[in-house]
PDB file of N, CA and C in Angstrom:
ATOM      1  N   MET A   1      -4.906   4.720 -15.969  1.00  0.00           N
ATOM      2  CA  MET A   1      -6.072   3.745 -15.195  1.00  0.00           C
ATOM      3  C   MET A   1      -7.305   4.593 -14.964  1.00  0.00           C
ATOM      4  N   ALA A   2      -8.382   4.302 -15.261  1.00  0.00           N
ATOM      5  CA  ALA A   2      -9.262   4.948 -14.742  1.00  0.00           C
ATOM      6  C   ALA A   2      -9.725   4.813 -13.687  1.00  0.00           C
ATOM      7  N   ILE A   3      -9.456   4.032 -12.404  1.00  0.00           N
ATOM      8  CA  ILE A   3      -9.689   3.555 -11.143  1.00  0.00           C
ATOM      9  C   ILE A   3      -9.667   5.056 -10.563  1.00  0.00           C
ATOM     10  N   ARG A   4     -10.834   4.735  -9.743  1.00  0.00           N
ATOM     11  CA  ARG A   4     -11.325   6.102  -8.569  1.00  0.00           C
ATOM     12  C   ARG A   4     -12.178   5.576  -7.578  1.00  0.00           C
ATOM     13  N   ILE A   5     -11.857   6.273  -6.759  1.00  0.00           N
ATOM     14  CA  ILE A   5     -13.034   5.529  -5.512  1.00  0.00           C
ATOM     15  C   ILE A   5     -13.939   6.603  -5.354  1.00  0.00           C
ATOM     16  N   ARG A   6     -15.404   6.040  -5.224  1.00  0.00           N
ATOM     17  CA  ARG A   6     -16.766   6.563  -4.852  1.00  0.00           C
ATOM     18  C   ARG A   6     -17.152   6.374  -3.744  1.00  0.00           C
ATOM     19  N   ASN A   7     -17.904   7.332  -3.320  1.00  0.00           N
ATOM     20  CA  ASN A   7     -19.064   6.799  -2.233  1.00  0.00           C
ATOM     21  C   ASN A   7     -20.317   6.747  -1.950  1.00  0.00           C
ATOM     22  N   ASN A   8     -20.969   5.541  -1.145  1.00  0.00           N
ATOM     23  CA  ASN A   8     -22.295   6.190  -0.971  1.00  0.00           C
ATOM     24  C   ASN A   8     -22.653   6.695   0.262  1.00  0.00           C
ATOM     25  N   TRP A   9     -23.897   7.108   0.309  1.00  0.00           N
ATOM     26  CA  TRP A   9     -24.211   7.278   2.060  1.00  0.00           C
ATOM     27  C   TRP A   9     -25.541   7.171   2.279  1.00  0.00           C
ATOM     28  N   LYS A  10     -26.242   7.103   3.722  1.00  0.00           N
ATOM     29  CA  LYS A  10     -27.565   7.069   3.893  1.00  0.00           C
ATOM     30  C   LYS A  10     -27.432   7.800   5.269  1.00  0.00           C
ATOM     31  N   TYR A  11     -28.068   8.528   5.276  1.00  0.00           N
ATOM     32  CA  TYR A  11     -28.231   9.817   6.805  1.00  0.00           C
ATOM     33  C   TYR A  11     -28.889   8.968   7.895  1.00  0.00           C
ATOM     34  N   LYS A  12     -28.308   8.595   9.060  1.00  0.00           N
ATOM     35  CA  LYS A  12     -29.270   7.918  10.044  1.00  0.00           C
ATOM     36  C   LYS A  12     -29.830   8.691  10.689  1.00  0.00           C
ATOM     37  N   GLY A  13     -29.559   9.942  10.969  1.00  0.00           N
ATOM     38  CA  GLY A  13     -29.962  10.976  11.621  1.00  0.00           C
ATOM     39  C   GLY A  13     -29.345  11.287  13.089  1.00  0.00           C
ATOM     40  N   ASP A  14     -29.166  11.983  13.775  1.00  0.00           N
ATOM     41  CA  ASP A  14     -28.705  12.617  14.731  1.00  0.00           C
ATOM     42  C   ASP A  14     -26.962  12.620  14.262  1.00  0.00           C
ATOM     43  N   GLU A  15     -26.827  13.503  13.291  1.00  0.00           N
ATOM     44  CA  GLU A  15     -25.380  13.488  12.595  1.00  0.00           C
ATOM     45  C   GLU A  15     -24.803  12.645  12.627  1.00  0.00           C
ATOM     46  N   ASN A  16     -25.478  11.326  12.275  1.00  0.00           N
ATOM     47  CA  ASN A  16     -24.733  10.075  11.238  1.00  0.00           C
ATOM     48  C   ASN A  16     -24.959   9.548  10.258  1.00  0.00           C
ATOM     49  N   TRP A  17     -23.934   8.992   9.453  1.00  0.00           N
ATOM     50  CA  TRP A  17     -24.221   8.763   8.341  1.00  0.00           C
ATOM     51  C   TRP A  17     -23.484   7.034   7.960  1.00  0.00           C
ATOM     52  N   GLU A  18     -24.399   5.973   7.801  1.00  0.00           N
ATOM     53  CA  GLU A  18     -23.723   4.937   7.055  1.00  0.00           C
ATOM     54  C   GLU A  18     -23.454   5.291   6.154  1.00  0.00           C
ATOM     55  N   TRP A  19     -22.119   5.135   5.469  1.00  0.00           N
ATOM     56  CA  TRP A  19     -21.285   4.895   4.196  1.00  0.00           C
ATOM     57  C   TRP A  19     -20.347   3.820   3.797  1.00  0.00           C
ATOM     58  N   GLU A  20     -20.031   3.664   2.181  1.00  0.00           N
ATOM     59  CA  GLU A  20     -19.454   2.592   1.833  1.00  0.00           C
ATOM     60  C   GLU A  20     -18.671   3.360   0.672  1.00  0.00           C
ATOM     61  N   ALA A  21     -17.210   3.155   0.763  1.00  0.00           N
ATOM     62  CA  ALA A  21     -15.975   3.411  -0.162  1.00  0.00           C
ATOM     63  C   ALA A  21     -16.037   2.362  -1.394  1.00  0.00           C
ATOM     64  N   PHE A  22     -16.144   2.495  -2.285  1.00  0.00           N
ATOM     65  CA  PHE A  22     -15.603   1.802  -3.265  1.00  0.00           C
ATOM     66  C   PHE A  22     -15.213   2.027  -4.576  1.00  0.00           C
ATOM     67  N   LEU A  23     -14.275   0.849  -5.438  1.00  0.00           N
ATOM     68  CA  LEU A  23     -13.738   1.620  -6.885  1.00  0.00           C
ATOM     69  C   LEU A  23     -14.841   1.442  -7.771  1.00  0.00           C
ATOM     70  N   ASP A  24     -14.132   2.765  -8.790  1.00  0.00           N
ATOM     71  CA  ASP A  24     -15.049   2.489  -9.887  1.00  0.00           C
ATOM     72  C   ASP A  24     -14.030   2.825 -11.258  1.00  0.00           C
ATOM     73  N   ASP A  25     -14.047   1.765 -12.069  1.00  0.00           N
ATOM     74  CA  ASP A  25     -13.164   1.901 -13.331  1.00  0.00           C
ATOM     75  C   ASP A  25     -14.216   2.802 -14.498  1.00  0.00           C
ATOM     76  N   GLY A  26     -15.034   3.310 -14.086  1.00  0.00           N
ATOM     77  CA  GLY A  26     -15.949   4.031 -15.760  1.00  0.00           C
ATOM     78  C   GLY A  26     -16.189   2.858 -16.686  1.00  0.00           C
ATOM     79  N   GLY A  27     -15.990   1.719 -16.201  1.00  0.00           N
ATOM     80  CA  GLY A  27     -16.531   0.905 -17.091  1.00  0.00           C
ATOM     81  C   GLY A  27     -15.672   0.238 -18.194  1.00  0.00           C
ATOM     82  N   THR A  28     -14.164   0.508 -17.740  1.00  0.00           N
ATOM     83  CA  THR A  28     -13.103   0.195 -18.821  1.00  0.00           C
ATOM     84  C   THR A  28     -12.588  -0.837 -18.319  1.00  0.00           C
ATOM     85  N   GLY A  29     -13.341  -1.673 -17.065  1.00  0.00           N
ATOM     86  CA  GLY A  29     -12.951  -3.497 -16.966  1.00  0.00           C
ATOM     87  C   GLY A  29     -11.269  -3.402 -16.421  1.00  0.00           C
ATOM     88  N   GLU A  30     -11.145  -2.465 -15.771  1.00  0.00           N
ATOM     89  CA  GLU A  30      -9.396  -2.254 -15.259  1.00  0.00           C
ATOM     90  C   GLU A  30      -9.651  -2.496 -13.786  1.00  0.00           C
ATOM     91  N   ILE A  31     -10.849  -2.871 -12.980  1.00  0.00           N
ATOM     92  CA  ILE A  31     -10.657  -3.306 -12.119  1.00  0.00           C
ATOM     93  C   ILE A  31     -10.681  -4.579 -11.541  1.00  0.00           C
ATOM     94  N   LYS A  32     -10.884  -5.355 -13.056  1.00  0.00           N
ATOM     95  CA  LYS A  32     -10.405  -6.828 -12.752  1.00  0.00           C
ATOM     96  C   LYS A  32      -8.820  -7.600 -12.829  1.00  0.00           C
ATOM     97  N   ASP A  33      -8.085  -6.037 -13.048  1.00  0.00           N
ATOM     98  CA  ASP A  33      -6.756  -5.921 -12.811  1.00  0.00           C
ATOM     99  C   ASP A  33      -6.361  -6.017 -11.034  1.00  0.00           C
ATOM    100  N   ILE A  34      -7.332  -5.388 -10.165  1.00  0.00           N
ATOM    101  CA  ILE A  34      -6.851  -4.706  -9.116  1.00  0.00           C
ATOM    102  C   ILE A  34      -6.878  -6.386  -7.885  1.00  0.00           C
ATOM    103  N   ASP A  35      -5.915  -6.682  -7.047  1.00  0.00           N
ATOM    104  CA  ASP A  35      -5.940  -7.733  -6.310  1.00  0.00           C
ATOM    105  C   ASP A  35      -6.590  -7.434  -5.266  1.00  0.00           C
ATOM    106  N   TYR A  36      -6.496  -6.103  -4.388  1.00  0.00           N
ATOM    107  CA  TYR A  36      -6.808  -5.585  -2.947  1.00  0.00           C
ATOM    108  C   TYR A  36      -6.261  -4.276  -2.998  1.00  0.00           C
ATOM    109  N   VAL A  37      -7.314  -3.726  -2.064  1.00  0.00           N
ATOM    110  CA  VAL A  37      -6.819  -1.964  -1.828  1.00  0.00           C
ATOM    111  C   VAL A  37      -6.794  -2.245  -0.112  1.00  0.00           C
ATOM    112  N   GLU A  38      -6.007  -1.393   0.281  1.00  0.00           N
ATOM    113  CA  GLU A  38      -6.036  -0.822   1.630  1.00  0.00           C
ATOM    114  C   GLU A  38      -6.603   0.848   1.580  1.00  0.00           C
ATOM    115  N   TYR A  39      -7.352   0.945   2.454  1.00  0.00           N
ATOM    116  CA  TYR A  39      -7.925   1.932   2.470  1.00  0.00           C
ATOM    117  C   TYR A  39      -7.197   2.991   4.250  1.00  0.00           C
ATOM    118  N   ILE A  40      -7.059   4.205   3.857  1.00  0.00           N
ATOM    119  CA  ILE A  40      -6.439   4.696   4.831  1.00  0.00           C
ATOM    120  C   ILE A  40      -7.684   5.960   5.661  1.00  0.00           C
ATOM    121  N   LEU A  41      -8.320   5.612   6.635  1.00  0.00           N
ATOM    122  CA  LEU A  41      -9.492   6.269   7.177  1.00  0.00           C
ATOM    123  C   LEU A  41      -8.492   7.374   7.622  1.00  0.00           C
ATOM    124  N   HIS A  42      -9.682   8.087   8.434  1.00  0.00           N
ATOM    125  CA  HIS A  42      -9.394   9.426   9.323  1.00  0.00           C
ATOM    126  C   HIS A  42      -8.430   8.743  10.537  1.00  0.00           C
ATOM    127  N   PRO A  43      -7.758   9.161  11.280  1.00  0.00           N
ATOM    128  CA  PRO A  43      -6.886   8.154  12.620  1.00  0.00           C
ATOM    129  C   PRO A  43      -7.810   8.619  13.237  1.00  0.00           C
ATOM    130  N   THR A  44      -9.450   9.011  13.746  1.00  0.00           N
ATOM    131  CA  THR A  44     -10.226   9.281  14.883  1.00  0.00           C
ATOM    132  C   THR A  44     -10.731   7.796  14.622  1.00  0.00           C
ATOM    133  N   PHE A  45     -10.690   6.540  13.860  1.00  0.00           N
ATOM    134  CA  PHE A  45     -11.404   5.474  13.282  1.00  0.00           C
ATOM    135  C   PHE A  45     -10.742   4.162  13.882  1.00  0.00           C
ATOM    136  N   LYS A  46     -11.550   3.461  14.627  1.00  0.00           N
ATOM    137  CA  LYS A  46     -10.634   2.321  15.500  1.00  0.00           C
ATOM    138  C   LYS A  46     -10.242   1.896  13.900  1.00  0.00           C
ATOM    139  N   ASN A  47      -8.977   1.083  14.080  1.00  0.00           N
ATOM    140  CA  ASN A  47      -8.047   0.521  12.700  1.00  0.00           C
ATOM    141  C   ASN A  47      -8.585   1.194  11.562  1.00  0.00           C
ATOM    142  N   PRO A  48      -7.742   2.531  11.558  1.00  0.00           N
ATOM    143  CA  PRO A  48      -7.783   3.120   9.829  1.00  0.00           C
ATOM    144  C   PRO A  48      -7.414   2.708   8.966  1.00  0.00           C
ATOM    145  N   VAL A  49      -6.248   1.634   8.584  1.00  0.00           N
ATOM    146  CA  VAL A  49      -5.830   1.115   7.737  1.00  0.00           C
ATOM    147  C   VAL A  49      -6.912  -0.238   7.777  1.00  0.00           C
ATOM    148  N   ARG A  50      -7.447  -0.154   6.597  1.00  0.00           N
ATOM    149  CA  ARG A  50      -8.252  -1.141   6.092  1.00  0.00           C
ATOM    150  C   ARG A  50      -8.009  -2.182   4.889  1.00  0.00           C
ATOM    151  N   LYS A  51      -7.755  -3.481   4.769  1.00  0.00           N
ATOM    152  CA  LYS A  51      -7.618  -4.486   3.722  1.00  0.00           C
ATOM    153  C   LYS A  51      -8.971  -4.798   3.292  1.00  0.00           C
ATOM    154  N   ILE A  52      -9.031  -4.576   2.007  1.00  0.00           N
ATOM    155  CA  ILE A  52     -10.163  -5.103   1.251  1.00  0.00           C
ATOM    156  C   ILE A  52      -9.929  -5.968  -0.304  1.00  0.00           C
ATOM    157  N   ASP A  53      -9.935  -7.138  -0.198  1.00  0.00           N
ATOM    158  CA  ASP A  53      -9.920  -8.057  -1.042  1.00  0.00           C
ATOM    159  C   ASP A  53     -11.539  -8.646  -2.291  1.00  0.00           C
ATOM    160  N   ASP A  54     -12.444  -8.123  -1.397  1.00  0.00           N
ATOM    161  CA  ASP A  54     -13.855  -8.211  -2.324  1.00  0.00           C
ATOM    162  C   ASP A  54     -14.007  -7.786  -3.775  1.00  0.00           C
ATOM    163  N   ARG A  55     -13.453  -8.253  -4.620  1.00  0.00           N
ATOM    164  CA  ARG A  55     -13.474  -7.863  -6.082  1.00  0.00           C
ATOM    165  C   ARG A  55     -14.669  -7.689  -6.443  1.00  0.00           C
ATOM    166  N   GLU A  56     -15.952  -8.672  -6.140  1.00  0.00           N
ATOM    167  CA  GLU A  56     -16.992  -8.531  -6.341  1.00  0.00           C
ATOM    168  C   GLU A  56     -18.219  -7.516  -6.027  1.00  0.00           C
ATOM    169  N   SER A  57     -17.771  -6.864  -4.790  1.00  0.00           N
ATOM    170  CA  SER A  57     -18.593  -5.714  -4.116  1.00  0.00           C
ATOM    171  C   SER A  57     -17.464  -4.382  -4.541  1.00  0.00           C
ATOM    172  N   ASN A  58     -16.523  -4.364  -5.635  1.00  0.00           N
ATOM    173  CA  ASN A  58     -15.973  -3.207  -6.200  1.00  0.00           C
ATOM    174  C   ASN A  58     -15.018  -2.948  -5.224  1.00  0.00           C
ATOM    175  N   PHE A  59     -14.400  -3.847  -4.064  1.00  0.00           N
ATOM    176  CA  PHE A  59     -13.697  -3.488  -3.263  1.00  0.00           C
ATOM    177  C   PHE A  59     -14.249  -2.943  -2.344  1.00  0.00           C
ATOM    178  N   ALA A  60     -15.358  -3.009  -2.045  1.00  0.00           N
ATOM    179  CA  ALA A  60     -16.201  -1.733  -0.937  1.00  0.00           C
ATOM    180  C   ALA A  60     -15.656  -1.649   0.828  1.00  0.00           C
ATOM    181  N   LEU A  61     -15.815  -0.633   1.381  1.00  0.00           N
ATOM    182  CA  LEU A  61     -15.345  -0.407   2.391  1.00  0.00           C
ATOM    183  C   LEU A  61     -16.633   0.280   3.346  1.00  0.00           C
ATOM    184  N   LYS A  62     -17.244  -0.491   3.988  1.00  0.00           N
ATOM    185  CA  LYS A  62     -18.477  -0.316   4.691  1.00  0.00           C
ATOM    186  C   LYS A  62     -18.307   0.247   5.937  1.00  0.00           C
ATOM    187  N   THR A  63     -18.776   1.146   6.324  1.00  0.00           N
ATOM    188  CA  THR A  63     -18.313   1.800   7.919  1.00  0.00           C
ATOM    189  C   THR A  63     -19.327   2.828   8.271  1.00  0.00           C
ATOM    190  N   SER A  64     -19.363   3.538   9.409  1.00  0.00           N
ATOM    191  CA  SER A  64     -20.388   4.753   9.404  1.00  0.00           C
ATOM    192  C   SER A  64     -19.324   5.885  10.645  1.00  0.00           C
ATOM    193  N   GLY A  65     -20.348   6.888  10.280  1.00  0.00           N
ATOM    194  CA  GLY A  65     -19.276   8.039  10.885  1.00  0.00           C
ATOM    195  C   GLY A  65     -20.010   9.718  10.931  1.00  0.00           C
ATOM    196  N   TRP A  66     -19.651  10.362  11.726  1.00  0.00           N
ATOM    197  CA  TRP A  66     -19.914  11.863  11.464  1.00  0.00           C
ATOM    198  C   TRP A  66     -19.653  12.794  11.108  1.00  0.00           C
ATOM    199  N   GLY A  67     -18.524  12.718   9.722  1.00  0.00           N
ATOM    200  CA  GLY A  67     -18.295  13.602   9.182  1.00  0.00           C
ATOM    201  C   GLY A  67     -17.330  13.516   8.214  1.00  0.00           C
ATOM    202  N   THR A  68     -17.099  14.550   7.530  1.00  0.00           N
ATOM    203  CA  THR A  68     -16.630  14.330   6.003  1.00  0.00           C
ATOM    204  C   THR A  68     -14.556  14.349   6.242  1.00  0.00           C
ATOM    205  N   PHE A  69     -14.118  13.594   5.162  1.00  0.00           N
ATOM    206  CA  PHE A  69     -12.499  13.899   5.407  1.00  0.00           C
ATOM    207  C   PHE A  69     -12.211  13.195   4.065  1.00  0.00           C
ATOM    208  N   ASN A  70     -10.774  13.440   3.964  1.00  0.00           N
ATOM    209  CA  ASN A  70     -10.180  12.936   2.503  1.00  0.00           C
ATOM    210  C   ASN A  70      -9.543  11.243   2.998  1.00  0.00           C
ATOM    211  N   LEU A  71     -10.566  10.091   2.661  1.00  0.00           N
ATOM    212  CA  LEU A  71     -10.229   8.728   2.303  1.00  0.00           C
ATOM    213  C   LEU A  71      -9.003   8.720   1.326  1.00  0.00           C
ATOM    214  N   LYS A  72      -7.908   8.333   1.959  1.00  0.00           N
ATOM    215  CA  LYS A  72      -6.508   7.853   1.035  1.00  0.00           C
ATOM    216  C   LYS A  72      -6.994   6.336   0.664  1.00  0.00           C
ATOM    217  N   ALA A  73      -6.112   5.753  -0.766  1.00  0.00           N
ATOM    218  CA  ALA A  73      -6.128   4.481  -0.587  1.00  0.00           C
ATOM    219  C   ALA A  73      -4.899   4.183  -1.662  1.00  0.00           C
ATOM    220  N   PHE A  74      -4.743   2.494  -1.608  1.00  0.00           N
ATOM    221  CA  PHE A  74      -3.558   1.743  -2.189  1.00  0.00           C
ATOM    222  C   PHE A  74      -4.298   1.146  -2.935  1.00  0.00           C
ATOM    223  N   ALA A  75      -4.519   1.476  -3.996  1.00  0.00           N
ATOM    224  CA  ALA A  75      -4.659  -0.223  -4.972  1.00  0.00           C
ATOM    225  C   ALA A  75      -3.788  -0.779  -5.390  1.00  0.00           C
ATOM    226  N   TYR A  76      -3.591  -2.310  -5.122  1.00  0.00           N
ATOM    227  CA  TYR A  76      -2.795  -3.208  -5.650  1.00  0.00           C
ATOM    228  C   TYR A  76      -2.885  -4.271  -6.549  1.00  0.00           C
ATOM    229  N   THR A  77      -2.215  -3.900  -7.688  1.00  0.00           N
ATOM    230  CA  THR A  77      -2.417  -4.712  -9.027  1.00  0.00           C
ATOM    231  C   THR A  77      -2.164  -6.144  -8.975  1.00  0.00           C
ATOM    232  N   LYS A  78      -2.870  -7.160  -9.676  1.00  0.00           N
ATOM    233  CA  LYS A  78      -2.047  -8.345  -9.600  1.00  0.00           C
ATOM    234  C   LYS A  78      -0.871  -8.337 -10.209  1.00  0.00           C
ATOM    235  N   ALA A  79      -0.332  -7.598 -11.409  1.00  0.00           N
ATOM    236  CA  ALA A  79       1.223  -7.527 -11.489  1.00  0.00           C
ATOM    237  C   ALA A  79       1.962  -6.832 -10.374  1.00  0.00           C
ATOM    238  N   GLY A  80       1.598  -6.277  -9.405  1.00  0.00           N
ATOM    239  CA  GLY A  80       2.637  -5.625  -8.162  1.00  0.00           C
ATOM    240  C   GLY A  80       2.551  -4.570  -8.372  1.00  0.00           C
ATOM    241  N   THR A  81       1.941  -3.534  -8.768  1.00  0.00           N
ATOM    242  CA  THR A  81       2.127  -2.140  -9.028  1.00  0.00           C
ATOM    243  C   THR A  81       1.075  -1.720  -7.671  1.00  0.00           C
ATOM    244  N   LYS A  82       1.510  -0.556  -7.553  1.00  0.00           N
ATOM    245  CA  LYS A  82       0.525   0.436  -6.577  1.00  0.00           C
ATOM    246  C   LYS A  82       0.142   1.420  -7.002  1.00  0.00           C
ATOM    247  N   ILE A  83      -1.422   1.885  -7.110  1.00  0.00           N
ATOM    248  CA  ILE A  83      -2.034   3.004  -7.291  1.00  0.00           C
ATOM    249  C   ILE A  83      -2.762   3.833  -5.953  1.00  0.00           C
ATOM    250  N   LYS A  84      -2.038   4.913  -6.197  1.00  0.00           N
ATOM    251  CA  LYS A  84      -2.600   6.216  -4.858  1.00  0.00           C
ATOM    252  C   LYS A  84      -3.889   6.685  -5.475  1.00  0.00           C
ATOM    253  N   LEU A  85      -4.804   6.574  -4.107  1.00  0.00           N
ATOM    254  CA  LEU A  85      -5.836   7.112  -4.716  1.00  0.00           C
ATOM    255  C   LEU A  85      -6.481   8.120  -3.267  1.00  0.00           C
ATOM    256  N   SER A  86      -7.201   8.576  -3.977  1.00  0.00           N
ATOM    257  CA  SER A  86      -7.917   9.864  -2.458  1.00  0.00           C
ATOM    258  C   SER A  86      -9.158  10.332  -3.147  1.00  0.00           C
ATOM    259  N   ARG A  87      -9.996  10.213  -2.206  1.00  0.00           N
ATOM    260  CA  ARG A  87     -11.218  11.207  -2.068  1.00  0.00           C
ATOM    261  C   ARG A  87     -11.990  11.887  -1.400  1.00  0.00           C
ATOM    262  N   ASP A  88     -12.324  12.964  -1.645  1.00  0.00           N
ATOM    263  CA  ASP A  88     -13.233  13.605  -0.092  1.00  0.00           C
ATOM    264  C   ASP A  88     -14.479  13.206   0.027  1.00  0.00           C
ATOM    265  N   ILE A  89     -14.689  12.040   1.167  1.00  0.00           N
ATOM    266  CA  ILE A  89     -15.889  11.791   0.908  1.00  0.00           C
ATOM    267  C   ILE A  89     -17.309  12.202   1.269  1.00  0.00           C
ATOM    268  N   GLU A  90     -18.293  12.192   0.739  1.00  0.00           N
ATOM    269  CA  GLU A  90     -19.579  12.963   0.706  1.00  0.00           C
ATOM    270  C   GLU A  90     -20.410  12.741   1.257  1.00  0.00           C
ATOM    271  N   LEU A  91     -20.949  13.172   2.422  1.00  0.00           N
ATOM    272  CA  LEU A  91     -22.450  12.940   3.354  1.00  0.00           C
ATOM    273  C   LEU A  91     -23.197  13.811   3.032  1.00  0.00           C
ATOM    274  N   LYS A  92     -23.857  13.644   3.073  1.00  0.00           N
ATOM    275  CA  LYS A  92     -25.151  14.542   2.826  1.00  0.00           C
ATOM    276  C   LYS A  92     -26.954  14.521   3.672  1.00  0.00           C
ATOM    277  N   TYR A  93     -27.478  15.418   4.101  1.00  0.00           N
ATOM    278  CA  TYR A  93     -28.536  15.267   4.373  1.00  0.00           C
ATOM    279  C   TYR A  93     -29.874  15.190   3.699  1.00  0.00           C
ATOM    280  N   ASP A  94     -29.364  15.904   2.476  1.00  0.00           N
ATOM    281  CA  ASP A  94     -30.404  16.188   1.501  1.00  0.00           C
ATOM    282  C   ASP A  94     -29.791  16.192   0.183  1.00  0.00           C
ATOM    283  N   PRO A  95     -29.922  14.979  -0.889  1.00  0.00           N
ATOM    284  CA  PRO A  95     -31.057  13.617  -0.487  1.00  0.00           C
ATOM    285  C   PRO A  95     -30.309  12.715   0.745  1.00  0.00           C
ATOM    286  N   GLU A  96     -30.853  11.981   1.831  1.00  0.00           N
ATOM    287  CA  GLU A  96     -30.604  11.356   2.762  1.00  0.00           C
ATOM    288  C   GLU A  96     -29.703   9.853   2.350  1.00  0.00           C
ATOM    289  N   LEU A  97     -29.945   9.472   1.076  1.00  0.00           N
ATOM    290  CA  LEU A  97     -29.026   8.701   0.415  1.00  0.00           C
ATOM    291  C   LEU A  97     -28.836   8.921  -1.001  1.00  0.00           C
ATOM    292  N   GLY A  98     -27.613   8.219  -1.156  1.00  0.00           N
ATOM    293  CA  GLY A  98     -27.195   8.968  -2.165  1.00  0.00           C
ATOM    294  C   GLY A  98     -25.784   8.303  -2.692  1.00  0.00           C
ATOM    295  N   THR A  99     -25.073   8.587  -3.766  1.00  0.00           N
ATOM    296  CA  THR A  99     -23.768   8.111  -4.314  1.00  0.00           C
ATOM    297  C   THR A  99     -23.185   9.186  -4.911  1.00  0.00           C
ATOM    298  N   SER A 100     -21.762   9.305  -4.794  1.00  0.00           N
ATOM    299  CA  SER A 100     -20.776  10.304  -4.843  1.00  0.00           C
ATOM    300  C   SER A 100     -21.085  10.472  -6.495  1.00  0.00           C
ATOM    301  N   LYS A 101     -20.226  11.258  -7.500  1.00  0.00           N
ATOM    302  CA  LYS A 101     -20.390  11.071  -9.039  1.00  0.00           C
ATOM    303  C   LYS A 101     -18.818  11.396  -9.645  1.00  0.00           C
TER     304      LYS A 101
END
């Protein structure tokens, strides 16, 4: 599968970013086979395990924070399989607004 995690960020100042993680299938259409995603955030987050089932948003998780970490996730398919994913979250001062590659 071509499914991977990407993220957007917006620097808010004072060492704080708003960011979102989402799934990207590189245009293969495989995202339609995903039922839901469980994101596992850094343990310092309140409620670090978050279930997202909004396919229209590409299973976007929206939050904020002050530092980078390795975000882990499990994408569960409609067929019942589990896909393990991870991504080092990108947060940049410049540009203040951006999307990971």
